[in-house]
Amino acid sequence: MWRPTGLRRHVSRWFTLITMCRSIKRLRERDEVASDQEIAEAALQFVRKISGYRQPSAKNEAAFSSAVDEITLASHRLLEEITK
């Protein structure tokens, strides 16, 4: 199996990061406020991308859920602050 090395690995990781983020929806629009559900879904998508898991194992479920909750709260705070 071919595996990227050196510069190829770096470029491969960069490309993966760029393409992964396309599916995360922009939550801040000029006249629209993001719903709680939209923020939670974006947080879940972000944690999935960072962890590399669509569904965590039973062993990692608590850490996964905690990360989603923390990112949801941080996103709420950010959106509240920038829309004042």
N, C-alpha and C. Protein backbone atom coordinates (compact mmCIF):
# COMPACT_ATOMS: atom_id res chain seq x y z
N MET A 1 0.84 -1.18 0.00
CA MET A 1 0.00 0.00 0.00
C MET A 1 0.89 1.25 0.00
N TRP A 2 0.61 2.18 -0.88
CA TRP A 2 1.38 3.41 -0.95
C TRP A 2 0.97 4.35 0.17
N ARG A 3 1.94 4.92 0.85
CA ARG A 3 1.68 5.90 1.91
C ARG A 3 2.49 7.15 1.61
N PRO A 4 1.87 8.32 1.74
CA PRO A 4 2.60 9.56 1.47
C PRO A 4 3.73 9.76 2.48
N THR A 5 4.84 10.28 2.00
CA THR A 5 5.97 10.56 2.88
C THR A 5 6.44 11.99 2.66
N GLY A 6 7.09 12.54 3.68
CA GLY A 6 7.68 13.87 3.56
C GLY A 6 6.69 14.92 3.10
N LEU A 7 7.07 15.62 2.04
CA LEU A 7 6.23 16.70 1.51
C LEU A 7 4.88 16.17 1.04
N ARG A 8 4.86 14.98 0.47
CA ARG A 8 3.60 14.41 0.01
C ARG A 8 2.62 14.25 1.16
N ARG A 9 3.13 13.79 2.32
CA ARG A 9 2.26 13.61 3.49
C ARG A 9 1.72 14.95 3.94
N HIS A 10 2.57 15.99 3.97
CA HIS A 10 2.14 17.31 4.39
C HIS A 10 1.05 17.84 3.45
N VAL A 11 1.26 17.73 2.17
CA VAL A 11 0.28 18.20 1.18
C VAL A 11 -1.00 17.40 1.30
N SER A 12 -0.88 16.09 1.51
CA SER A 12 -2.06 15.24 1.66
C SER A 12 -2.88 15.66 2.87
N ARG A 13 -2.23 15.92 4.00
CA ARG A 13 -2.95 16.35 5.20
C ARG A 13 -3.60 17.71 4.98
N TRP A 14 -2.90 18.64 4.34
CA TRP A 14 -3.45 19.96 4.06
C TRP A 14 -4.69 19.84 3.19
N PHE A 15 -4.60 19.04 2.14
CA PHE A 15 -5.74 18.86 1.24
C PHE A 15 -6.91 18.25 1.98
N THR A 16 -6.64 17.28 2.85
CA THR A 16 -7.71 16.65 3.63
C THR A 16 -8.39 17.66 4.52
N LEU A 17 -7.62 18.52 5.20
CA LEU A 17 -8.21 19.54 6.06
C LEU A 17 -9.08 20.51 5.27
N ILE A 18 -8.59 20.92 4.11
CA ILE A 18 -9.35 21.86 3.28
C ILE A 18 -10.66 21.22 2.82
N THR A 19 -10.62 19.99 2.35
CA THR A 19 -11.83 19.36 1.83
C THR A 19 -12.78 18.95 2.93
N MET A 20 -12.27 18.64 4.14
CA MET A 20 -13.15 18.24 5.23
C MET A 20 -14.06 19.37 5.67
N CYS A 21 -13.57 20.58 5.66
CA CYS A 21 -14.32 21.70 6.23
C CYS A 21 -15.43 22.20 5.32
N ARG A 22 -15.51 21.71 4.12
CA ARG A 22 -16.54 22.20 3.20
C ARG A 22 -17.95 21.90 3.67
N SER A 23 -18.14 20.80 4.39
CA SER A 23 -19.49 20.41 4.76
C SER A 23 -19.98 21.09 6.03
N ILE A 24 -19.13 21.85 6.70
CA ILE A 24 -19.58 22.55 7.89
C ILE A 24 -20.27 23.84 7.45
N LYS A 25 -21.51 23.98 7.86
CA LYS A 25 -22.34 25.11 7.44
C LYS A 25 -21.93 26.40 8.16
N ARG A 26 -21.93 27.49 7.43
CA ARG A 26 -21.70 28.80 8.04
C ARG A 26 -22.92 29.16 8.87
N LEU A 27 -22.70 29.51 10.13
CA LEU A 27 -23.82 29.78 11.03
C LEU A 27 -24.13 31.26 11.16
N ARG A 28 -23.22 32.09 10.80
CA ARG A 28 -23.45 33.53 10.97
C ARG A 28 -23.81 34.16 9.63
N GLU A 29 -24.99 34.66 9.55
CA GLU A 29 -25.46 35.41 8.37
C GLU A 29 -25.87 36.79 8.86
N ARG A 30 -25.94 37.73 7.98
CA ARG A 30 -26.24 39.11 8.38
C ARG A 30 -27.57 39.26 9.10
N ASP A 31 -28.61 38.71 8.54
CA ASP A 31 -29.95 38.94 9.08
C ASP A 31 -30.55 37.73 9.80
N GLU A 32 -29.85 36.62 9.80
CA GLU A 32 -30.39 35.40 10.39
C GLU A 32 -29.60 34.99 11.62
N VAL A 33 -30.29 34.49 12.60
CA VAL A 33 -29.66 33.97 13.80
C VAL A 33 -29.67 32.45 13.72
N ALA A 34 -28.55 31.83 14.02
CA ALA A 34 -28.47 30.38 13.99
C ALA A 34 -29.30 29.79 15.13
N SER A 35 -30.00 28.72 14.84
CA SER A 35 -30.79 28.05 15.88
C SER A 35 -29.87 27.22 16.77
N ASP A 36 -30.38 26.86 17.93
CA ASP A 36 -29.62 26.01 18.85
C ASP A 36 -29.28 24.68 18.18
N GLN A 37 -30.21 24.15 17.43
CA GLN A 37 -29.98 22.87 16.75
C GLN A 37 -28.88 23.01 15.69
N GLU A 38 -28.88 24.09 14.93
CA GLU A 38 -27.85 24.29 13.92
C GLU A 38 -26.46 24.39 14.56
N ILE A 39 -26.38 25.07 15.69
CA ILE A 39 -25.11 25.21 16.39
C ILE A 39 -24.65 23.85 16.92
N ALA A 40 -25.55 23.08 17.50
CA ALA A 40 -25.21 21.76 18.01
C ALA A 40 -24.77 20.82 16.88
N GLU A 41 -25.45 20.89 15.74
CA GLU A 41 -25.09 20.05 14.60
C GLU A 41 -23.71 20.42 14.06
N ALA A 42 -23.40 21.71 14.02
CA ALA A 42 -22.08 22.15 13.56
C ALA A 42 -21.00 21.69 14.53
N ALA A 43 -21.29 21.74 15.83
CA ALA A 43 -20.33 21.28 16.83
C ALA A 43 -20.07 19.78 16.67
N LEU A 44 -21.13 19.01 16.45
CA LEU A 44 -20.98 17.58 16.24
C LEU A 44 -20.14 17.30 15.00
N GLN A 45 -20.40 18.02 13.93
CA GLN A 45 -19.63 17.85 12.69
C GLN A 45 -18.16 18.18 12.91
N PHE A 46 -17.90 19.24 13.67
CA PHE A 46 -16.53 19.65 13.96
C PHE A 46 -15.80 18.56 14.76
N VAL A 47 -16.45 18.02 15.78
CA VAL A 47 -15.84 16.97 16.60
C VAL A 47 -15.61 15.72 15.75
N ARG A 48 -16.52 15.40 14.87
CA ARG A 48 -16.32 14.26 13.97
C ARG A 48 -15.08 14.46 13.10
N LYS A 49 -14.93 15.67 12.58
CA LYS A 49 -13.78 15.95 11.72
C LYS A 49 -12.47 15.88 12.50
N ILE A 50 -12.46 16.47 13.68
CA ILE A 50 -11.24 16.50 14.49
C ILE A 50 -10.87 15.10 14.95
N SER A 51 -11.85 14.33 15.42
CA SER A 51 -11.57 13.00 15.97
C SER A 51 -11.33 11.94 14.90
N GLY A 52 -11.90 12.18 13.73
CA GLY A 52 -11.79 11.18 12.68
C GLY A 52 -12.82 10.07 12.78
N TYR A 53 -13.76 10.21 13.71
CA TYR A 53 -14.79 9.20 13.91
C TYR A 53 -16.17 9.78 13.64
N ARG A 54 -16.95 9.04 12.89
CA ARG A 54 -18.34 9.46 12.70
C ARG A 54 -19.14 9.11 13.95
N GLN A 55 -18.87 7.95 14.51
CA GLN A 55 -19.53 7.49 15.72
C GLN A 55 -18.43 6.98 16.65
N PRO A 56 -18.34 7.51 17.87
CA PRO A 56 -17.27 7.07 18.77
C PRO A 56 -17.56 5.67 19.34
N SER A 57 -16.51 5.01 19.77
CA SER A 57 -16.68 3.72 20.44
C SER A 57 -17.30 3.97 21.81
N ALA A 58 -17.80 2.93 22.43
CA ALA A 58 -18.38 3.07 23.77
C ALA A 58 -17.36 3.64 24.75
N LYS A 59 -16.12 3.27 24.58
CA LYS A 59 -15.04 3.75 25.45
C LYS A 59 -14.86 5.27 25.33
N ASN A 60 -15.06 5.81 24.14
CA ASN A 60 -14.82 7.23 23.89
C ASN A 60 -16.08 8.09 23.88
N GLU A 61 -17.22 7.50 24.12
CA GLU A 61 -18.50 8.22 24.04
C GLU A 61 -18.55 9.44 24.95
N ALA A 62 -18.08 9.30 26.20
CA ALA A 62 -18.14 10.42 27.15
C ALA A 62 -17.27 11.58 26.69
N ALA A 63 -16.07 11.29 26.24
CA ALA A 63 -15.17 12.34 25.76
C ALA A 63 -15.73 13.02 24.52
N PHE A 64 -16.31 12.24 23.62
CA PHE A 64 -16.90 12.75 22.38
C PHE A 64 -18.06 13.69 22.71
N SER A 65 -18.96 13.24 23.58
CA SER A 65 -20.13 14.05 23.95
C SER A 65 -19.72 15.32 24.69
N SER A 66 -18.72 15.20 25.55
CA SER A 66 -18.22 16.36 26.28
C SER A 66 -17.65 17.40 25.32
N ALA A 67 -16.91 16.94 24.32
CA ALA A 67 -16.33 17.86 23.34
C ALA A 67 -17.43 18.57 22.55
N VAL A 68 -18.45 17.84 22.16
CA VAL A 68 -19.58 18.45 21.43
C VAL A 68 -20.24 19.51 22.29
N ASP A 69 -20.48 19.20 23.56
CA ASP A 69 -21.11 20.17 24.47
C ASP A 69 -20.25 21.42 24.65
N GLU A 70 -18.95 21.24 24.83
CA GLU A 70 -18.06 22.39 25.02
C GLU A 70 -18.00 23.27 23.78
N ILE A 71 -17.95 22.66 22.62
CA ILE A 71 -17.88 23.43 21.38
C ILE A 71 -19.21 24.13 21.12
N THR A 72 -20.31 23.48 21.46
CA THR A 72 -21.62 24.12 21.33
C THR A 72 -21.70 25.37 22.19
N LEU A 73 -21.28 25.27 23.45
CA LEU A 73 -21.29 26.43 24.35
C LEU A 73 -20.37 27.54 23.85
N ALA A 74 -19.17 27.16 23.42
CA ALA A 74 -18.23 28.16 22.91
C ALA A 74 -18.79 28.85 21.66
N SER A 75 -19.46 28.10 20.82
CA SER A 75 -20.05 28.67 19.61
C SER A 75 -21.17 29.64 19.95
N HIS A 76 -22.00 29.28 20.92
CA HIS A 76 -23.06 30.20 21.39
C HIS A 76 -22.44 31.50 21.89
N ARG A 77 -21.41 31.40 22.72
CA ARG A 77 -20.77 32.60 23.25
C ARG A 77 -20.18 33.45 22.14
N LEU A 78 -19.52 32.82 21.19
CA LEU A 78 -18.92 33.56 20.08
C LEU A 78 -19.99 34.30 19.29
N LEU A 79 -21.04 33.59 18.91
CA LEU A 79 -22.09 34.22 18.10
C LEU A 79 -22.80 35.34 18.85
N GLU A 80 -22.98 35.19 20.15
CA GLU A 80 -23.59 36.26 20.94
C GLU A 80 -22.69 37.49 21.00
N GLU A 81 -21.40 37.27 21.18
CA GLU A 81 -20.46 38.39 21.29
C GLU A 81 -20.30 39.16 19.98
N ILE A 82 -20.23 38.45 18.87
CA ILE A 82 -19.99 39.16 17.61
C ILE A 82 -21.24 39.79 17.02
N THR A 83 -22.41 39.47 17.57
CA THR A 83 -23.63 40.08 17.04
C THR A 83 -24.13 41.21 17.91
N LYS A 84 -23.37 41.58 18.94
CA LYS A 84 -23.80 42.70 19.79
C LYS A 84 -23.60 44.02 19.11
